[in-house]
Amino acid sequence: MRLRWGFLDETFPAPWAPRDEPKLYQLVAAAAEADLPLEVVAGSAPAWSDPWSRARRVWVVREGWNRHLIGDDGSVIASADVQLARLVAPVRH
């Protein structure tokens, strides 16, 4: 978990994270393997009533052993800033 408040920017383990849900690392690996984008919420937290309201689409770009999250606008999203993530389902015609 990441706590940002004023000059504070601290990270610490979140013991309430469900163990059976995929972690960001697993979602990034799955997106890279399937060549699918992810939808992520990063940066400042949205309202509890609509946690996906600030979601944006990102692509996983491989660089050697590293994987980077790149937004549609070309910006790099740091993994530490991601609060929510999910795979975007492929469009079927």
PDB file of N, CA and C in Angstrom:
ATOM      1  N   MET A   1       0.842  -1.170   0.000  1.00  0.00           N
ATOM      2  CA  MET A   1       0.000   0.000   0.000  1.00  0.00           C
ATOM      3  C   MET A   1       0.884   1.228   0.000  1.00  0.00           C
ATOM      4  N   ARG A   2       0.373   2.291  -0.578  1.00  0.00           N
ATOM      5  CA  ARG A   2       1.121   3.542  -0.634  1.00  0.00           C
ATOM      6  C   ARG A   2       0.308   4.623   0.055  1.00  0.00           C
ATOM      7  N   LEU A   3       0.957   5.371   0.944  1.00  0.00           N
ATOM      8  CA  LEU A   3       0.320   6.473   1.653  1.00  0.00           C
ATOM      9  C   LEU A   3       0.951   7.767   1.190  1.00  0.00           C
ATOM     10  N   ARG A   4       0.131   8.632   0.620  1.00  0.00           N
ATOM     11  CA  ARG A   4       0.581   9.968   0.215  1.00  0.00           C
ATOM     12  C   ARG A   4      -0.274  10.987   0.951  1.00  0.00           C
ATOM     13  N   TRP A   5       0.394  11.872   1.663  1.00  0.00           N
ATOM     14  CA  TRP A   5      -0.332  12.914   2.363  1.00  0.00           C
ATOM     15  C   TRP A   5       0.651  14.039   2.655  1.00  0.00           C
ATOM     16  N   GLY A   6       0.460  15.161   2.005  1.00  0.00           N
ATOM     17  CA  GLY A   6       1.397  16.257   2.172  1.00  0.00           C
ATOM     18  C   GLY A   6       2.778  15.837   1.698  1.00  0.00           C
ATOM     19  N   PHE A   7       3.760  15.957   2.560  1.00  0.00           N
ATOM     20  CA  PHE A   7       5.131  15.584   2.206  1.00  0.00           C
ATOM     21  C   PHE A   7       5.409  14.099   2.393  1.00  0.00           C
ATOM     22  N   LEU A   8       4.461  13.344   2.952  1.00  0.00           N
ATOM     23  CA  LEU A   8       4.645  11.907   3.152  1.00  0.00           C
ATOM     24  C   LEU A   8       4.410  11.130   1.867  1.00  0.00           C
ATOM     25  N   ASP A   9       5.249  10.172   1.607  1.00  0.00           N
ATOM     26  CA  ASP A   9       5.083   9.229   0.506  1.00  0.00           C
ATOM     27  C   ASP A   9       5.719   7.924   0.963  1.00  0.00           C
ATOM     28  N   GLU A  10       4.930   7.106   1.631  1.00  0.00           N
ATOM     29  CA  GLU A  10       5.425   5.872   2.248  1.00  0.00           C
ATOM     30  C   GLU A  10       4.730   4.663   1.645  1.00  0.00           C
ATOM     31  N   THR A  11       5.453   3.554   1.566  1.00  0.00           N
ATOM     32  CA  THR A  11       4.854   2.288   1.149  1.00  0.00           C
ATOM     33  C   THR A  11       5.025   1.274   2.277  1.00  0.00           C
ATOM     34  N   PHE A  12       4.036   0.409   2.404  1.00  0.00           N
ATOM     35  CA  PHE A  12       4.093  -0.658   3.392  1.00  0.00           C
ATOM     36  C   PHE A  12       3.158  -1.775   2.960  1.00  0.00           C
ATOM     37  N   PRO A  13       3.410  -3.000   3.431  1.00  0.00           N
ATOM     38  CA  PRO A  13       2.569  -4.131   3.023  1.00  0.00           C
ATOM     39  C   PRO A  13       1.122  -3.957   3.472  1.00  0.00           C
ATOM     40  N   ALA A  14       0.214  -4.400   2.630  1.00  0.00           N
ATOM     41  CA  ALA A  14      -1.212  -4.323   2.947  1.00  0.00           C
ATOM     42  C   ALA A  14      -1.710  -5.728   3.275  1.00  0.00           C
ATOM     43  N   PRO A  15      -1.881  -6.048   4.547  1.00  0.00           N
ATOM     44  CA  PRO A  15      -2.271  -7.408   4.917  1.00  0.00           C
ATOM     45  C   PRO A  15      -3.693  -7.778   4.510  1.00  0.00           C
ATOM     46  N   TRP A  16      -4.504  -6.807   4.112  1.00  0.00           N
ATOM     47  CA  TRP A  16      -5.875  -7.111   3.751  1.00  0.00           C
ATOM     48  C   TRP A  16      -6.032  -7.429   2.260  1.00  0.00           C
ATOM     49  N   ALA A  17      -4.950  -7.408   1.482  1.00  0.00           N
ATOM     50  CA  ALA A  17      -5.038  -7.734   0.057  1.00  0.00           C
ATOM     51  C   ALA A  17      -5.418  -9.204  -0.093  1.00  0.00           C
ATOM     52  N   PRO A  18      -6.482  -9.504  -0.858  1.00  0.00           N
ATOM     53  CA  PRO A  18      -6.907 -10.894  -1.024  1.00  0.00           C
ATOM     54  C   PRO A  18      -5.816 -11.739  -1.659  1.00  0.00           C
ATOM     55  N   ARG A  19      -5.552 -12.880  -1.069  1.00  0.00           N
ATOM     56  CA  ARG A  19      -4.485 -13.761  -1.565  1.00  0.00           C
ATOM     57  C   ARG A  19      -4.860 -14.447  -2.872  1.00  0.00           C
ATOM     58  N   ASP A  20      -6.151 -14.598  -3.147  1.00  0.00           N
ATOM     59  CA  ASP A  20      -6.560 -15.334  -4.337  1.00  0.00           C
ATOM     60  C   ASP A  20      -6.722 -14.451  -5.572  1.00  0.00           C
ATOM     61  N   GLU A  21      -6.560 -13.144  -5.440  1.00  0.00           N
ATOM     62  CA  GLU A  21      -6.660 -12.257  -6.593  1.00  0.00           C
ATOM     63  C   GLU A  21      -5.283 -12.092  -7.238  1.00  0.00           C
ATOM     64  N   PRO A  22      -5.257 -11.955  -8.580  1.00  0.00           N
ATOM     65  CA  PRO A  22      -3.958 -11.805  -9.237  1.00  0.00           C
ATOM     66  C   PRO A  22      -3.277 -10.499  -8.823  1.00  0.00           C
ATOM     67  N   LYS A  23      -1.984 -10.573  -8.694  1.00  0.00           N
ATOM     68  CA  LYS A  23      -1.189  -9.401  -8.345  1.00  0.00           C
ATOM     69  C   LYS A  23      -0.808  -8.662  -9.629  1.00  0.00           C
ATOM     70  N   LEU A  24      -0.330  -7.439  -9.494  1.00  0.00           N
ATOM     71  CA  LEU A  24       0.023  -6.633 -10.653  1.00  0.00           C
ATOM     72  C   LEU A  24       1.037  -7.356 -11.527  1.00  0.00           C
ATOM     73  N   TYR A  25       2.038  -7.964 -10.921  1.00  0.00           N
ATOM     74  CA  TYR A  25       3.058  -8.689 -11.685  1.00  0.00           C
ATOM     75  C   TYR A  25       2.413  -9.743 -12.576  1.00  0.00           C
ATOM     76  N   GLN A  26       1.450 -10.490 -12.040  1.00  0.00           N
ATOM     77  CA  GLN A  26       0.783 -11.543 -12.806  1.00  0.00           C
ATOM     78  C   GLN A  26      -0.063 -10.955 -13.935  1.00  0.00           C
ATOM     79  N   LEU A  27      -0.740  -9.838 -13.660  1.00  0.00           N
ATOM     80  CA  LEU A  27      -1.551  -9.193 -14.688  1.00  0.00           C
ATOM     81  C   LEU A  27      -0.683  -8.643 -15.819  1.00  0.00           C
ATOM     82  N   VAL A  28       0.448  -8.048 -15.459  1.00  0.00           N
ATOM     83  CA  VAL A  28       1.373  -7.522 -16.464  1.00  0.00           C
ATOM     84  C   VAL A  28       1.910  -8.659 -17.330  1.00  0.00           C
ATOM     85  N   ALA A  29       2.288  -9.767 -16.712  1.00  0.00           N
ATOM     86  CA  ALA A  29       2.791 -10.924 -17.458  1.00  0.00           C
ATOM     87  C   ALA A  29       1.720 -11.472 -18.400  1.00  0.00           C
ATOM     88  N   ALA A  30       0.484 -11.577 -17.926  1.00  0.00           N
ATOM     89  CA  ALA A  30      -0.609 -12.090 -18.756  1.00  0.00           C
ATOM     90  C   ALA A  30      -0.896 -11.151 -19.918  1.00  0.00           C
ATOM     91  N   ALA A  31      -0.879  -9.845 -19.674  1.00  0.00           N
ATOM     92  CA  ALA A  31      -1.123  -8.865 -20.734  1.00  0.00           C
ATOM     93  C   ALA A  31      -0.025  -8.923 -21.785  1.00  0.00           C
ATOM     94  N   ALA A  32       1.211  -9.048 -21.355  1.00  0.00           N
ATOM     95  CA  ALA A  32       2.334  -9.133 -22.292  1.00  0.00           C
ATOM     96  C   ALA A  32       2.229 -10.404 -23.138  1.00  0.00           C
ATOM     97  N   GLU A  33       1.903 -11.502 -22.505  1.00  0.00           N
ATOM     98  CA  GLU A  33       1.800 -12.791 -23.212  1.00  0.00           C
ATOM     99  C   GLU A  33       0.670 -12.773 -24.240  1.00  0.00           C
ATOM    100  N   ALA A  34      -0.474 -12.192 -23.884  1.00  0.00           N
ATOM    101  CA  ALA A  34      -1.638 -12.175 -24.767  1.00  0.00           C
ATOM    102  C   ALA A  34      -1.669 -10.950 -25.681  1.00  0.00           C
ATOM    103  N   ASP A  35      -0.706 -10.052 -25.534  1.00  0.00           N
ATOM    104  CA  ASP A  35      -0.668  -8.795 -26.284  1.00  0.00           C
ATOM    105  C   ASP A  35      -1.977  -8.021 -26.126  1.00  0.00           C
ATOM    106  N   LEU A  36      -2.409  -7.913 -24.863  1.00  0.00           N
ATOM    107  CA  LEU A  36      -3.617  -7.175 -24.521  1.00  0.00           C
ATOM    108  C   LEU A  36      -3.243  -5.985 -23.636  1.00  0.00           C
ATOM    109  N   PRO A  37      -4.043  -4.928 -23.679  1.00  0.00           N
ATOM    110  CA  PRO A  37      -3.787  -3.814 -22.773  1.00  0.00           C
ATOM    111  C   PRO A  37      -4.329  -4.107 -21.378  1.00  0.00           C
ATOM    112  N   LEU A  38      -3.892  -3.311 -20.440  1.00  0.00           N
ATOM    113  CA  LEU A  38      -4.437  -3.316 -19.085  1.00  0.00           C
ATOM    114  C   LEU A  38      -5.191  -2.018 -18.876  1.00  0.00           C
ATOM    115  N   GLU A  39      -6.122  -2.054 -17.983  1.00  0.00           N
ATOM    116  CA  GLU A  39      -6.784  -0.842 -17.518  1.00  0.00           C
ATOM    117  C   GLU A  39      -6.274  -0.631 -16.100  1.00  0.00           C
ATOM    118  N   VAL A  40      -5.698   0.527 -15.822  1.00  0.00           N
ATOM    119  CA  VAL A  40      -5.132   0.789 -14.501  1.00  0.00           C
ATOM    120  C   VAL A  40      -5.640   2.107 -13.937  1.00  0.00           C
ATOM    121  N   VAL A  41      -5.667   2.168 -12.621  1.00  0.00           N
ATOM    122  CA  VAL A  41      -5.910   3.410 -11.901  1.00  0.00           C
ATOM    123  C   VAL A  41      -4.596   3.727 -11.212  1.00  0.00           C
ATOM    124  N   ALA A  42      -4.026   4.874 -11.542  1.00  0.00           N
ATOM    125  CA  ALA A  42      -2.737   5.273 -10.974  1.00  0.00           C
ATOM    126  C   ALA A  42      -2.801   6.739 -10.556  1.00  0.00           C
ATOM    127  N   GLY A  43      -1.924   7.111  -9.645  1.00  0.00           N
ATOM    128  CA  GLY A  43      -1.897   8.495  -9.181  1.00  0.00           C
ATOM    129  C   GLY A  43      -2.842   8.710  -8.027  1.00  0.00           C
ATOM    130  N   SER A  44      -3.504   9.844  -8.017  1.00  0.00           N
ATOM    131  CA  SER A  44      -4.392  10.164  -6.892  1.00  0.00           C
ATOM    132  C   SER A  44      -5.611   9.248  -6.893  1.00  0.00           C
ATOM    133  N   ALA A  45      -6.060   8.916  -5.706  1.00  0.00           N
ATOM    134  CA  ALA A  45      -7.151   7.950  -5.540  1.00  0.00           C
ATOM    135  C   ALA A  45      -8.497   8.538  -5.945  1.00  0.00           C
ATOM    136  N   PRO A  46      -9.312   7.753  -6.658  1.00  0.00           N
ATOM    137  CA  PRO A  46     -10.671   8.183  -6.980  1.00  0.00           C
ATOM    138  C   PRO A  46     -11.592   7.983  -5.770  1.00  0.00           C
ATOM    139  N   ALA A  47     -12.815   8.401  -5.912  1.00  0.00           N
ATOM    140  CA  ALA A  47     -13.797   8.242  -4.832  1.00  0.00           C
ATOM    141  C   ALA A  47     -14.108   6.757  -4.623  1.00  0.00           C
ATOM    142  N   TRP A  48     -14.431   6.399  -3.383  1.00  0.00           N
ATOM    143  CA  TRP A  48     -14.784   5.012  -3.058  1.00  0.00           C
ATOM    144  C   TRP A  48     -15.995   4.549  -3.854  1.00  0.00           C
ATOM    145  N   SER A  49     -16.903   5.471  -4.175  1.00  0.00           N
ATOM    146  CA  SER A  49     -18.134   5.098  -4.866  1.00  0.00           C
ATOM    147  C   SER A  49     -17.890   4.640  -6.302  1.00  0.00           C
ATOM    148  N   ASP A  50     -16.793   5.082  -6.922  1.00  0.00           N
ATOM    149  CA  ASP A  50     -16.473   4.686  -8.288  1.00  0.00           C
ATOM    150  C   ASP A  50     -14.961   4.534  -8.428  1.00  0.00           C
ATOM    151  N   PRO A  51     -14.405   3.421  -7.924  1.00  0.00           N
ATOM    152  CA  PRO A  51     -12.948   3.261  -7.897  1.00  0.00           C
ATOM    153  C   PRO A  51     -12.287   3.204  -9.275  1.00  0.00           C
ATOM    154  N   TRP A  52     -13.031   2.906 -10.329  1.00  0.00           N
ATOM    155  CA  TRP A  52     -12.453   2.822 -11.680  1.00  0.00           C
ATOM    156  C   TRP A  52     -12.651   4.111 -12.467  1.00  0.00           C
ATOM    157  N   SER A  53     -13.133   5.177 -11.846  1.00  0.00           N
ATOM    158  CA  SER A  53     -13.436   6.411 -12.573  1.00  0.00           C
ATOM    159  C   SER A  53     -12.211   7.058 -13.212  1.00  0.00           C
ATOM    160  N   ARG A  54     -11.034   6.838 -12.685  1.00  0.00           N
ATOM    161  CA  ARG A  54      -9.809   7.425 -13.238  1.00  0.00           C
ATOM    162  C   ARG A  54      -8.960   6.394 -13.981  1.00  0.00           C
ATOM    163  N   ALA A  55      -9.605   5.331 -14.431  1.00  0.00           N
ATOM    164  CA  ALA A  55      -8.880   4.277 -15.134  1.00  0.00           C
ATOM    165  C   ALA A  55      -8.391   4.767 -16.487  1.00  0.00           C
ATOM    166  N   ARG A  56      -7.243   4.251 -16.880  1.00  0.00           N
ATOM    167  CA  ARG A  56      -6.694   4.553 -18.193  1.00  0.00           C
ATOM    168  C   ARG A  56      -6.106   3.280 -18.777  1.00  0.00           C
ATOM    169  N   ARG A  57      -6.073   3.221 -20.081  1.00  0.00           N
ATOM    170  CA  ARG A  57      -5.546   2.053 -20.783  1.00  0.00           C
ATOM    171  C   ARG A  57      -4.035   2.187 -20.916  1.00  0.00           C
ATOM    172  N   VAL A  58      -3.349   1.094 -20.631  1.00  0.00           N
ATOM    173  CA  VAL A  58      -1.896   1.055 -20.776  1.00  0.00           C
ATOM    174  C   VAL A  58      -1.505  -0.219 -21.510  1.00  0.00           C
ATOM    175  N   TRP A  59      -0.338  -0.160 -22.124  1.00  0.00           N
ATOM    176  CA  TRP A  59       0.216  -1.312 -22.825  1.00  0.00           C
ATOM    177  C   TRP A  59       1.482  -1.749 -22.127  1.00  0.00           C
ATOM    178  N   VAL A  60       1.741  -3.028 -22.160  1.00  0.00           N
ATOM    179  CA  VAL A  60       2.966  -3.564 -21.583  1.00  0.00           C
ATOM    180  C   VAL A  60       4.011  -3.610 -22.697  1.00  0.00           C
ATOM    181  N   VAL A  61       5.131  -2.938 -22.452  1.00  0.00           N
ATOM    182  CA  VAL A  61       6.225  -2.914 -23.425  1.00  0.00           C
ATOM    183  C   VAL A  61       7.414  -3.625 -22.787  1.00  0.00           C
ATOM    184  N   ARG A  62       7.913  -4.636 -23.481  1.00  0.00           N
ATOM    185  CA  ARG A  62       9.064  -5.384 -22.976  1.00  0.00           C
ATOM    186  C   ARG A  62      10.354  -4.715 -23.435  1.00  0.00           C
ATOM    187  N   GLU A  63      11.280  -4.639 -22.501  1.00  0.00           N
ATOM    188  CA  GLU A  63      12.615  -4.134 -22.791  1.00  0.00           C
ATOM    189  C   GLU A  63      13.584  -5.069 -22.085  1.00  0.00           C
ATOM    190  N   GLY A  64      14.071  -6.062 -22.827  1.00  0.00           N
ATOM    191  CA  GLY A  64      14.888  -7.094 -22.191  1.00  0.00           C
ATOM    192  C   GLY A  64      14.030  -7.884 -21.215  1.00  0.00           C
ATOM    193  N   TRP A  65      14.490  -7.985 -19.977  1.00  0.00           N
ATOM    194  CA  TRP A  65      13.745  -8.695 -18.933  1.00  0.00           C
ATOM    195  C   TRP A  65      12.720  -7.795 -18.263  1.00  0.00           C
ATOM    196  N   ASN A  66      12.785  -6.507 -18.528  1.00  0.00           N
ATOM    197  CA  ASN A  66      11.883  -5.547 -17.883  1.00  0.00           C
ATOM    198  C   ASN A  66      10.599  -5.375 -18.685  1.00  0.00           C
ATOM    199  N   ARG A  67       9.556  -5.045 -17.980  1.00  0.00           N
ATOM    200  CA  ARG A  67       8.270  -4.725 -18.601  1.00  0.00           C
ATOM    201  C   ARG A  67       7.832  -3.361 -18.082  1.00  0.00           C
ATOM    202  N   HIS A  68       7.446  -2.486 -19.008  1.00  0.00           N
ATOM    203  CA  HIS A  68       7.028  -1.138 -18.644  1.00  0.00           C
ATOM    204  C   HIS A  68       5.568  -0.943 -19.013  1.00  0.00           C
ATOM    205  N   LEU A  69       4.867  -0.153 -18.218  1.00  0.00           N
ATOM    206  CA  LEU A  69       3.485   0.210 -18.514  1.00  0.00           C
ATOM    207  C   LEU A  69       3.505   1.549 -19.236  1.00  0.00           C
ATOM    208  N   ILE A  70       2.971   1.569 -20.462  1.00  0.00           N
ATOM    209  CA  ILE A  70       2.989   2.766 -21.288  1.00  0.00           C
ATOM    210  C   ILE A  70       1.553   3.156 -21.622  1.00  0.00           C
ATOM    211  N   GLY A  71       1.185   4.404 -21.303  1.00  0.00           N
ATOM    212  CA  GLY A  71      -0.147   4.899 -21.594  1.00  0.00           C
ATOM    213  C   GLY A  71      -0.329   5.181 -23.072  1.00  0.00           C
ATOM    214  N   ASP A  72      -1.577   5.374 -23.488  1.00  0.00           N
ATOM    215  CA  ASP A  72      -1.872   5.694 -24.888  1.00  0.00           C
ATOM    216  C   ASP A  72      -1.151   6.954 -25.346  1.00  0.00           C
ATOM    217  N   ASP A  73      -0.866   7.854 -24.409  1.00  0.00           N
ATOM    218  CA  ASP A  73      -0.177   9.107 -24.736  1.00  0.00           C
ATOM    219  C   ASP A  73       1.341   8.966 -24.726  1.00  0.00           C
ATOM    220  N   GLY A  74       1.847   7.746 -24.470  1.00  0.00           N
ATOM    221  CA  GLY A  74       3.280   7.503 -24.457  1.00  0.00           C
ATOM    222  C   GLY A  74       3.943   7.682 -23.105  1.00  0.00           C
ATOM    223  N   SER A  75       3.181   8.057 -22.098  1.00  0.00           N
ATOM    224  CA  SER A  75       3.754   8.250 -20.765  1.00  0.00           C
ATOM    225  C   SER A  75       3.998   6.913 -20.078  1.00  0.00           C
ATOM    226  N   VAL A  76       5.034   6.873 -19.248  1.00  0.00           N
ATOM    227  CA  VAL A  76       5.370   5.679 -18.483  1.00  0.00           C
ATOM    228  C   VAL A  76       4.656   5.757 -17.138  1.00  0.00           C
ATOM    229  N   ILE A  77       3.981   4.688 -16.760  1.00  0.00           N
ATOM    230  CA  ILE A  77       3.285   4.620 -15.472  1.00  0.00           C
ATOM    231  C   ILE A  77       4.095   3.711 -14.562  1.00  0.00           C
ATOM    232  N   ALA A  78       4.535   4.246 -13.439  1.00  0.00           N
ATOM    233  CA  ALA A  78       5.321   3.459 -12.487  1.00  0.00           C
ATOM    234  C   ALA A  78       4.424   2.431 -11.809  1.00  0.00           C
ATOM    235  N   SER A  79       4.907   1.213 -11.688  1.00  0.00           N
ATOM    236  CA  SER A  79       4.137   0.149 -11.038  1.00  0.00           C
ATOM    237  C   SER A  79       3.736   0.537  -9.618  1.00  0.00           C
ATOM    238  N   ALA A  80       4.594   1.275  -8.931  1.00  0.00           N
ATOM    239  CA  ALA A  80       4.307   1.683  -7.554  1.00  0.00           C
ATOM    240  C   ALA A  80       3.114   2.628  -7.471  1.00  0.00           C
ATOM    241  N   ASP A  81       2.766   3.276  -8.576  1.00  0.00           N
ATOM    242  CA  ASP A  81       1.638   4.208  -8.589  1.00  0.00           C
ATOM    243  C   ASP A  81       0.305   3.545  -8.910  1.00  0.00           C
ATOM    244  N   VAL A  82       0.335   2.275  -9.323  1.00  0.00           N
ATOM    245  CA  VAL A  82      -0.888   1.579  -9.731  1.00  0.00           C
ATOM    246  C   VAL A  82      -1.670   1.131  -8.503  1.00  0.00           C
ATOM    247  N   GLN A  83      -2.933   1.539  -8.440  1.00  0.00           N
ATOM    248  CA  GLN A  83      -3.811   1.179  -7.322  1.00  0.00           C
ATOM    249  C   GLN A  83      -4.746   0.028  -7.686  1.00  0.00           C
ATOM    250  N   LEU A  84      -5.201   0.001  -8.935  1.00  0.00           N
ATOM    251  CA  LEU A  84      -6.075  -1.061  -9.436  1.00  0.00           C
ATOM    252  C   LEU A  84      -5.613  -1.422 -10.836  1.00  0.00           C
ATOM    253  N   ALA A  85      -5.787  -2.668 -11.219  1.00  0.00           N
ATOM    254  CA  ALA A  85      -5.444  -3.092 -12.568  1.00  0.00           C
ATOM    255  C   ALA A  85      -6.309  -4.279 -12.961  1.00  0.00           C
ATOM    256  N   ARG A  86      -6.629  -4.321 -14.253  1.00  0.00           N
ATOM    257  CA  ARG A  86      -7.360  -5.463 -14.791  1.00  0.00           C
ATOM    258  C   ARG A  86      -7.061  -5.568 -16.285  1.00  0.00           C
ATOM    259  N   LEU A  87      -7.145  -6.792 -16.800  1.00  0.00           N
ATOM    260  CA  LEU A  87      -6.958  -7.035 -18.217  1.00  0.00           C
ATOM    261  C   LEU A  87      -8.139  -6.477 -18.997  1.00  0.00           C
ATOM    262  N   VAL A  88      -7.878  -5.954 -20.169  1.00  0.00           N
ATOM    263  CA  VAL A  88      -8.944  -5.505 -21.060  1.00  0.00           C
ATOM    264  C   VAL A  88      -9.258  -6.662 -21.989  1.00  0.00           C
ATOM    265  N   ALA A  89     -10.495  -7.053 -22.006  1.00  0.00           N
ATOM    266  CA  ALA A  89     -10.909  -8.191 -22.829  1.00  0.00           C
ATOM    267  C   ALA A  89     -10.764  -7.851 -24.307  1.00  0.00           C
ATOM    268  N   PRO A  90     -10.354  -8.833 -25.116  1.00  0.00           N
ATOM    269  CA  PRO A  90     -10.232  -8.579 -26.548  1.00  0.00           C
ATOM    270  C   PRO A  90     -11.611  -8.310 -27.160  1.00  0.00           C
ATOM    271  N   VAL A  91     -11.616  -7.478 -28.189  1.00  0.00           N
ATOM    272  CA  VAL A  91     -12.869  -7.167 -28.883  1.00  0.00           C
ATOM    273  C   VAL A  91     -13.170  -8.297 -29.850  1.00  0.00           C
ATOM    274  N   ARG A  92     -14.368  -8.824 -29.777  1.00  0.00           N
ATOM    275  CA  ARG A  92     -14.781  -9.918 -30.664  1.00  0.00           C
ATOM    276  C   ARG A  92     -15.773  -9.358 -31.675  1.00  0.00           C
ATOM    277  N   HIS A  93     -15.597  -9.749 -32.903  1.00  0.00           N
ATOM    278  CA  HIS A  93     -16.488  -9.265 -33.977  1.00  0.00           C
ATOM    279  C   HIS A  93     -17.434 -10.344 -34.392  1.00  0.00           C
TER     280      HIS A  93
END
